C-alpha atoms as a PDB file:
ATOM      1  CA  MET A   1      67.433 145.795  70.188  1.00  0.00           C
ATOM      2  CA  PRO A   2      63.989 144.193  70.747  1.00  0.00           C
ATOM      3  CA  ALA A   3      62.284 144.801  74.060  1.00  0.00           C
ATOM      4  CA  LEU A   4      62.338 141.078  74.914  1.00  0.00           C
ATOM      5  CA  LEU A   5      66.112 140.879  74.493  1.00  0.00           C
ATOM      6  CA  LEU A   6      66.554 143.960  76.661  1.00  0.00           C
ATOM      7  CA  ALA A   7      64.403 142.354  79.330  1.00  0.00           C
ATOM      8  CA  LEU A   8      66.482 139.172  79.181  1.00  0.00           C
ATOM      9  CA  LEU A   9      69.703 141.133  79.549  1.00  0.00           C
ATOM     10  CA  ALA A  10      68.268 142.952  82.548  1.00  0.00           C
ATOM     11  CA  ALA A  11      67.283 139.639  84.118  1.00  0.00           C
ATOM     12  CA  VAL A  12      70.772 138.213  83.538  1.00  0.00           C
ATOM     13  CA  THR A  13      72.350 141.272  85.161  1.00  0.00           C
ATOM     14  CA  ALA A  14      70.076 140.968  88.187  1.00  0.00           C
ATOM     15  CA  VAL A  15      70.748 137.237  88.591  1.00  0.00           C
ATOM     16  CA  THR A  16      74.512 137.686  88.273  1.00  0.00           C
ATOM     17  CA  ALA A  17      74.552 140.548  90.792  1.00  0.00           C
ATOM     18  CA  ALA A  18      72.493 138.527  93.256  1.00  0.00           C
ATOM     19  CA  ALA A  19      74.871 135.587  92.878  1.00  0.00           C
ATOM     20  CA  ALA A  20      78.003 137.673  93.529  1.00  0.00           C
ATOM     21  CA  PRO A  21      79.912 136.501  96.610  1.00  0.00           C
ATOM     22  CA  ALA A  22      79.414 138.480  99.825  1.00  0.00           C
ATOM     23  CA  GLN A  23      82.193 140.769 100.976  1.00  0.00           C
ATOM     24  CA  ALA A  24      84.827 138.826 102.877  1.00  0.00           C
ATOM     25  CA  ALA A  25      84.749 139.045 106.648  1.00  0.00           C
ATOM     26  CA  GLY A  26      87.358 141.095 108.441  1.00  0.00           C
ATOM     27  CA  TYR A  27      88.876 141.216 111.918  1.00  0.00           C
ATOM     28  CA  ARG A  28      89.006 144.043 114.422  1.00  0.00           C
ATOM     29  CA  TYR A  29      92.518 144.435 115.785  1.00  0.00           C
ATOM     30  CA  TRP A  30      95.629 146.537 116.410  1.00  0.00           C
ATOM     31  CA  SER A  31      98.253 146.477 113.673  1.00  0.00           C
ATOM     32  CA  PHE A  32     101.938 147.299 114.041  1.00  0.00           C
ATOM     33  CA  TRP A  33     103.951 149.420 111.580  1.00  0.00           C
ATOM     34  CA  ASP A  34     107.448 150.749 110.879  1.00  0.00           C
ATOM     35  CA  LEU A  35     108.077 154.109 109.223  1.00  0.00           C
ATOM     36  CA  THR A  36     110.636 153.499 106.464  1.00  0.00           C
ATOM     37  CA  ASP A  37     111.791 156.291 104.160  1.00  0.00           C
ATOM     38  CA  GLY A  38     108.728 158.314 105.093  1.00  0.00           C
ATOM     39  CA  ALA A  39     106.229 155.506 104.351  1.00  0.00           C
ATOM     40  CA  TRP A  40     104.462 153.064 106.677  1.00  0.00           C
ATOM     41  CA  THR A  41     105.316 149.393 106.147  1.00  0.00           C
ATOM     42  CA  TYR A  42     103.619 146.501 107.941  1.00  0.00           C
ATOM     43  CA  ALA A  43     105.990 145.202 110.622  1.00  0.00           C
ATOM     44  CA  ASN A  44     107.457 141.758 110.011  1.00  0.00           C
ATOM     45  CA  GLN A  45     108.029 141.128 113.730  1.00  0.00           C
ATOM     46  CA  GLY A  46     105.764 141.411 116.732  1.00  0.00           C
ATOM     47  CA  PRO A  47     106.424 144.301 119.133  1.00  0.00           C
ATOM     48  CA  SER A  48     107.749 142.017 121.858  1.00  0.00           C
ATOM     49  CA  ILE A  49     110.474 140.781 119.494  1.00  0.00           C
ATOM     50  CA  ALA A  50     111.260 143.928 117.521  1.00  0.00           C
ATOM     51  CA  ARG A  51     114.013 146.053 119.020  1.00  0.00           C
ATOM     52  CA  PRO A  52     113.946 149.508 117.437  1.00  0.00           C
ATOM     53  CA  GLY A  53     116.994 151.726 117.364  1.00  0.00           C
ATOM     54  CA  ASP A  54     117.394 155.280 118.505  1.00  0.00           C
ATOM     55  CA  GLY A  55     115.612 157.455 115.951  1.00  0.00           C
ATOM     56  CA  ASP A  56     113.085 154.857 114.772  1.00  0.00           C
ATOM     57  CA  VAL A  57     109.398 155.645 114.267  1.00  0.00           C
ATOM     58  CA  GLN A  58     106.775 152.956 114.860  1.00  0.00           C
ATOM     59  CA  GLY A  59     102.998 153.024 114.669  1.00  0.00           C
ATOM     60  CA  PHE A  60      99.958 151.169 115.959  1.00  0.00           C
ATOM     61  CA  ARG A  61      96.534 151.348 114.260  1.00  0.00           C
ATOM     62  CA  PHE A  62      93.173 149.950 115.402  1.00  0.00           C
ATOM     63  CA  ALA A  63      90.848 149.015 112.521  1.00  0.00           C
ATOM     64  CA  VAL A  64      88.789 146.319 110.835  1.00  0.00           C
ATOM     65  CA  SER A  65      90.805 144.645 108.082  1.00  0.00           C
ATOM     66  CA  GLU A  66      90.844 141.343 106.218  1.00  0.00           C
ATOM     67  CA  ASN A  67      94.620 140.899 106.305  1.00  0.00           C
ATOM     68  CA  SER A  68      97.925 142.736 106.371  1.00  0.00           C
ATOM     69  CA  GLN A  69      97.639 143.669 102.686  1.00  0.00           C
ATOM     70  CA  ASP A  70      94.508 145.769 103.267  1.00  0.00           C
ATOM     71  CA  ALA A  71      95.336 146.842 106.814  1.00  0.00           C
ATOM     72  CA  ALA A  72      94.774 150.503 107.681  1.00  0.00           C
ATOM     73  CA  LYS A  73      97.939 152.502 108.267  1.00  0.00           C
ATOM     74  CA  PRO A  74      98.364 155.101 111.005  1.00  0.00           C
ATOM     75  CA  ARG A  75      97.029 158.399 109.682  1.00  0.00           C
ATOM     76  CA  GLY A  76      98.895 161.658 109.298  1.00  0.00           C
ATOM     77  CA  LEU A  77     102.428 162.706 108.412  1.00  0.00           C
ATOM     78  CA  HIS A  78     105.036 161.896 111.043  1.00  0.00           C
ATOM     79  CA  ASP A  79     108.784 161.970 111.514  1.00  0.00           C
ATOM     80  CA  PHE A  80     111.202 161.431 114.349  1.00  0.00           C
ATOM     81  CA  ALA A  81     112.181 165.082 114.706  1.00  0.00           C
ATOM     82  CA  ALA A  82     108.576 166.207 115.138  1.00  0.00           C
ATOM     83  CA  ILE A  83     107.876 163.618 117.838  1.00  0.00           C
ATOM     84  CA  CYS A  84     111.182 163.307 119.687  1.00  0.00           C
ATOM     85  CA  GLY A  85     112.971 166.521 118.766  1.00  0.00           C
ATOM     86  CA  ALA A  86     112.558 167.936 122.268  1.00  0.00           C
ATOM     87  CA  THR A  87     113.820 164.752 123.966  1.00  0.00           C
ATOM     88  CA  ASP A  88     117.578 164.768 124.464  1.00  0.00           C
ATOM     89  CA  ALA A  89     119.671 161.699 123.800  1.00  0.00           C
ATOM     90  CA  ARG A  90     121.185 160.022 126.874  1.00  0.00           C
ATOM     91  CA  ASP A  91     123.853 157.375 127.267  1.00  0.00           C
ATOM     92  CA  GLY A  92     122.442 153.898 127.855  1.00  0.00           C
ATOM     93  CA  THR A  93     119.014 154.777 126.446  1.00  0.00           C
ATOM     94  CA  LYS A  94     117.332 155.199 123.082  1.00  0.00           C
ATOM     95  CA  ARG A  95     114.410 157.292 121.851  1.00  0.00           C
ATOM     96  CA  VAL A  96     111.594 155.699 119.878  1.00  0.00           C
ATOM     97  CA  ALA A  97     108.897 157.837 118.291  1.00  0.00           C
ATOM     98  CA  LEU A  98     105.491 156.178 118.585  1.00  0.00           C
ATOM     99  CA  VAL A  99     102.257 156.922 116.724  1.00  0.00           C
ATOM    100  CA  VAL A 100      99.067 155.484 118.213  1.00  0.00           C
ATOM    101  CA  ASP A 101      95.993 155.729 115.963  1.00  0.00           C
ATOM    102  CA  PHE A 102      92.833 154.516 117.724  1.00  0.00           C
ATOM    103  CA  GLY A 103      90.904 154.332 114.451  1.00  0.00           C
ATOM    104  CA  THR A 104      87.447 155.551 113.496  1.00  0.00           C
ATOM    105  CA  ARG A 105      83.951 155.199 114.948  1.00  0.00           C
ATOM    106  CA  ALA A 106      83.136 152.774 112.102  1.00  0.00           C
ATOM    107  CA  ASP A 107      85.781 150.388 113.479  1.00  0.00           C
ATOM    108  CA  ALA A 108      84.983 150.919 117.169  1.00  0.00           C
ATOM    109  CA  THR A 109      83.866 148.091 119.447  1.00  0.00           C
ATOM    110  CA  GLY A 110      80.402 148.247 121.021  1.00  0.00           C
ATOM    111  CA  GLY A 111      79.737 151.879 120.213  1.00  0.00           C
ATOM    112  CA  GLU A 112      82.893 153.156 121.892  1.00  0.00           C
ATOM    113  CA  THR A 113      84.274 156.509 120.818  1.00  0.00           C
ATOM    114  CA  PRO A 114      87.928 156.156 119.830  1.00  0.00           C
ATOM    115  CA  PRO A 115      90.372 158.654 121.346  1.00  0.00           C
ATOM    116  CA  ALA A 116      92.128 161.043 118.993  1.00  0.00           C
ATOM    117  CA  PRO A 117      95.354 159.738 117.438  1.00  0.00           C
ATOM    118  CA  ARG A 118      98.433 160.767 119.370  1.00  0.00           C
ATOM    119  CA  THR A 119     102.192 160.558 119.352  1.00  0.00           C
ATOM    120  CA  ALA A 120     104.740 160.034 122.098  1.00  0.00           C
ATOM    121  CA  CYS A 121     108.493 159.854 122.454  1.00  0.00           C
ATOM    122  CA  ALA A 122     109.520 156.815 124.490  1.00  0.00           C
ATOM    123  CA  ARG A 123     112.921 156.933 126.181  1.00  0.00           C
ATOM    124  CA  VAL A 124     113.831 153.347 127.044  1.00  0.00           C
ATOM    125  CA  ALA A 125     116.843 151.132 127.652  1.00  0.00           C
ATOM    126  CA  GLU A 126     119.023 150.404 124.641  1.00  0.00           C
ATOM    127  CA  ASP A 127     117.868 146.773 124.478  1.00  0.00           C
ATOM    128  CA  ALA A 128     114.154 147.523 125.011  1.00  0.00           C
ATOM    129  CA  THR A 129     111.558 146.029 122.688  1.00  0.00           C
ATOM    130  CA  SER A 130     108.810 147.926 120.900  1.00  0.00           C
ATOM    131  CA  ALA A 131     106.311 146.505 123.393  1.00  0.00           C
ATOM    132  CA  GLU A 132     108.332 147.930 126.279  1.00  0.00           C
ATOM    133  CA  ALA A 133     108.544 151.293 124.547  1.00  0.00           C
ATOM    134  CA  LEU A 134     104.769 151.302 124.044  1.00  0.00           C
ATOM    135  CA  ALA A 135     104.128 150.329 127.663  1.00  0.00           C
ATOM    136  CA  SER A 136     106.237 153.252 128.852  1.00  0.00           C
ATOM    137  CA  VAL A 137     103.928 155.814 127.214  1.00  0.00           C
ATOM    138  CA  ALA A 138     100.517 154.193 126.650  1.00  0.00           C
ATOM    139  CA  GLU A 139      99.487 152.079 129.623  1.00  0.00           C
ATOM    140  CA  PRO A 140      97.310 150.297 130.438  1.00  0.00           C
ATOM    141  CA  LEU A 141      97.909 147.661 127.772  1.00  0.00           C
ATOM    142  CA  ARG A 142      95.642 144.622 127.634  1.00  0.00           C
ATOM    143  CA  TYR A 143      96.616 141.178 126.353  1.00  0.00           C
ATOM    144  CA  ASP A 144      94.565 138.002 125.955  1.00  0.00           C
ATOM    145  CA  SER A 145      95.475 134.532 127.217  1.00  0.00           C
ATOM    146  CA  ASN A 146      97.566 133.952 124.086  1.00  0.00           C
ATOM    147  CA  ALA A 147      99.581 137.128 124.725  1.00  0.00           C
ATOM    148  CA  LEU A 148      97.946 139.000 121.843  1.00  0.00           C
ATOM    149  CA  LEU A 149      97.803 142.767 122.183  1.00  0.00           C
ATOM    150  CA  CYS A 150      94.125 143.704 122.612  1.00  0.00           C
ATOM    151  CA  ALA A 151      94.099 147.273 123.935  1.00  0.00           C
ATOM    152  CA  ILE A 152      96.378 150.297 124.122  1.00  0.00           C
ATOM    153  CA  ASP A 153      95.733 152.906 126.808  1.00  0.00           C
ATOM    154  CA  GLY A 154      92.650 150.867 127.740  1.00  0.00           C
ATOM    155  CA  TYR A 155      91.123 151.044 124.241  1.00  0.00           C
ATOM    156  CA  PRO A 156      89.050 149.173 123.327  1.00  0.00           C
ATOM    157  CA  ARG A 157      87.527 148.123 126.648  1.00  0.00           C
ATOM    158  CA  THR A 158      86.513 144.693 125.327  1.00  0.00           C
ATOM    159  CA  GLY A 159      87.270 142.365 122.440  1.00  0.00           C
ATOM    160  CA  CYS A 160      90.441 141.070 120.878  1.00  0.00           C
ATOM    161  CA  GLY A 161      90.815 140.242 117.201  1.00  0.00           C
ATOM    162  CA  GLU A 162      87.168 139.246 116.832  1.00  0.00           C
ATOM    163  CA  GLN A 163      85.746 138.476 113.400  1.00  0.00           C
ATOM    164  CA  VAL A 164      83.419 141.077 111.888  1.00  0.00           C
ATOM    165  CA  SER A 165      80.817 140.050 109.308  1.00  0.00           C
ATOM    166  CA  GLY A 166      81.239 141.165 105.715  1.00  0.00           C
ATOM    167  CA  ASP A 167      78.068 143.280 105.766  1.00  0.00           C
ATOM    168  CA  THR A 168      79.403 145.591 108.492  1.00  0.00           C
ATOM    169  CA  PRO A 169      79.109 149.310 107.564  1.00  0.00           C
ATOM    170  CA  GLU A 170      82.072 150.961 105.852  1.00  0.00           C
ATOM    171  CA  THR A 171      85.292 150.776 107.804  1.00  0.00           C
ATOM    172  CA  SER A 172      88.479 152.762 107.667  1.00  0.00           C
ATOM    173  CA  ALA A 173      90.159 149.997 105.693  1.00  0.00           C
ATOM    174  CA  GLY A 174      88.151 151.107 102.702  1.00  0.00           C
ATOM    175  CA  THR A 175      89.123 154.755 102.983  1.00  0.00           C
ATOM    176  CA  ASP A 176      92.825 154.731 103.618  1.00  0.00           C
ATOM    177  CA  ALA A 177      95.662 152.523 102.751  1.00  0.00           C
ATOM    178  CA  THR A 178      95.196 150.008 106.891  1.00  0.00           C
ATOM    179  CA  SER A 179      96.102 145.125 110.945  1.00  0.00           C
ATOM    180  CA  GLY A 180      95.273 141.477 112.882  1.00  0.00           C
ATOM    181  CA  ASP A 181      96.050 141.047 116.420  1.00  0.00           C
ATOM    182  CA  ILE A 182      99.645 141.767 117.307  1.00  0.00           C
ATOM    183  CA  ASP A 183     101.287 138.630 118.623  1.00  0.00           C
ATOM    184  CA  ALA A 184     103.383 139.637 121.591  1.00  0.00           C
ATOM    185  CA  THR A 185     105.303 136.371 121.789  1.00  0.00           C
ATOM    186  CA  SER A 186     105.706 134.731 118.379  1.00  0.00           C
ATOM    187  CA  GLY A 187     107.660 137.496 116.709  1.00  0.00           C
ATOM    188  CA  ASP A 188     105.082 137.989 113.958  1.00  0.00           C
ATOM    189  CA  ALA A 189     102.745 140.909 113.449  1.00  0.00           C
ATOM    190  CA  ALA A 190     100.024 138.385 112.783  1.00  0.00           C
ATOM    191  CA  THR A 191      96.625 138.749 111.174  1.00  0.00           C
ATOM    192  CA  PRO A 192      93.959 136.352 112.521  1.00  0.00           C
ATOM    193  CA  ALA A 193      93.469 133.457 110.127  1.00  0.00           C
ATOM    194  CA  ALA A 194      90.245 133.540 108.158  1.00  0.00           C
ATOM    195  CA  PRO A 195      88.016 130.448 108.447  1.00  0.00           C
ATOM    196  CA  ALA A 196      88.058 127.980 105.566  1.00  0.00           C
ATOM    197  CA  ASP A 197      85.368 128.371 102.912  1.00  0.00           C
ATOM    198  CA  ALA A 198      82.794 125.663 103.590  1.00  0.00           C
ATOM    199  CA  ASP A 199      81.764 125.617  99.927  1.00  0.00           C
ATOM    200  CA  SER A 200      85.235 125.654  98.420  1.00  0.00           C
ATOM    201  CA  GLY A 201      84.884 122.123  97.088  1.00  0.00           C
ATOM    202  CA  GLY A 202      82.104 122.846  94.565  1.00  0.00           C
ATOM    203  CA  PRO A 203      81.057 125.363  91.938  1.00  0.00           C
ATOM    204  CA  SER A 204      80.126 128.785  93.212  1.00  0.00           C
ATOM    205  CA  ALA A 205      76.771 130.429  92.750  1.00  0.00           C
ATOM    206  CA  GLY A 206      78.444 132.732  90.237  1.00  0.00           C
ATOM    207  CA  VAL A 207      79.239 129.761  87.984  1.00  0.00           C
ATOM    208  CA  TYR A 208      75.596 128.674  87.918  1.00  0.00           C
ATOM    209  CA  ALA A 209      74.541 132.258  87.274  1.00  0.00           C
ATOM    210  CA  GLY A 210      76.929 132.443  84.327  1.00  0.00           C
ATOM    211  CA  ILE A 211      75.542 129.223  82.841  1.00  0.00           C
ATOM    212  CA  ALA A 212      72.015 130.543  83.210  1.00  0.00           C
ATOM    213  CA  ALA A 213      73.022 133.805  81.543  1.00  0.00           C
ATOM    214  CA  VAL A 214      74.505 132.031  78.530  1.00  0.00           C
ATOM    215  CA  ALA A 215      71.408 129.855  78.189  1.00  0.00           C
ATOM    216  CA  LEU A 216      69.076 132.850  78.322  1.00  0.00           C
ATOM    217  CA  LEU A 217      71.042 134.793  75.737  1.00  0.00           C
ATOM    218  CA  ALA A 218      71.238 131.764  73.424  1.00  0.00           C
ATOM    219  CA  ALA A 219      67.489 131.246  73.659  1.00  0.00           C
ATOM    220  CA  ALA A 220      66.918 134.924  72.897  1.00  0.00           C
ATOM    221  CA  ALA A 221      69.160 134.740  69.835  1.00  0.00           C
ATOM    222  CA  VAL A 222      67.346 131.668  68.478  1.00  0.00           C
ATOM    223  CA  TRP A 223      63.961 133.301  69.038  1.00  0.00           C
ATOM    224  CA  GLN A 224      65.104 136.477  67.308  1.00  0.00           C
ATOM    225  CA  SER A 225      66.498 134.520  64.324  1.00  0.00           C
ATOM    226  CA  ARG A 226      63.255 132.551  63.824  1.00  0.00           C
ATOM    227  CA  ARG A 227      61.177 135.707  64.091  1.00  0.00           C
ATOM    228  CA  ARG A 228      63.092 137.336  61.229  1.00  0.00           C
ATOM    229  CA  ARG A 229      62.497 134.415  58.823  1.00  0.00           C
END
């Protein structure tokens, strides 16, 4: 292939790469999980609504994620027997195994060092919610004015579901299969809504880059054809 055509292809590649959309922004928050058949599943109710049964395992994970589909799961292998095996059953109460994963330094707020992940067996009243079970073993909890869960055992010290720019260094969401703020009142394990795309009404930069690429390649082909005559 002629040197000029190679140069044009290189230019097209550079333009297209430069025009690629920036990585979507994420949110820093605690997510809420249920352990089902040995696998973590994103909870479909908030912890103040969910009422686990005796023998259930639930998890909380702090991380930066875009939404519930890419939310970071609590790390490690866990089961009820390992966490609550030494806690006897009692009439009028239930045992809930809890996994609290404070996340990684990459996801930490303001340079904080996250505590090591830990587990606890909460013995609570039979009608207790997941939030009540968590409060019995991991105080202090911190909520914002909208009753969103912001901190477990005082971590993090500040912040609550804040947006993190797309050019933030690698987070745990990219390294293991990971939440939004946990709504303590609505019943949903909610992810903060992403802002609307201000440019959604028109063509993206990638479209213009593609048009330019086609034009450059067409011009190169015409030039090459004339040169061979």
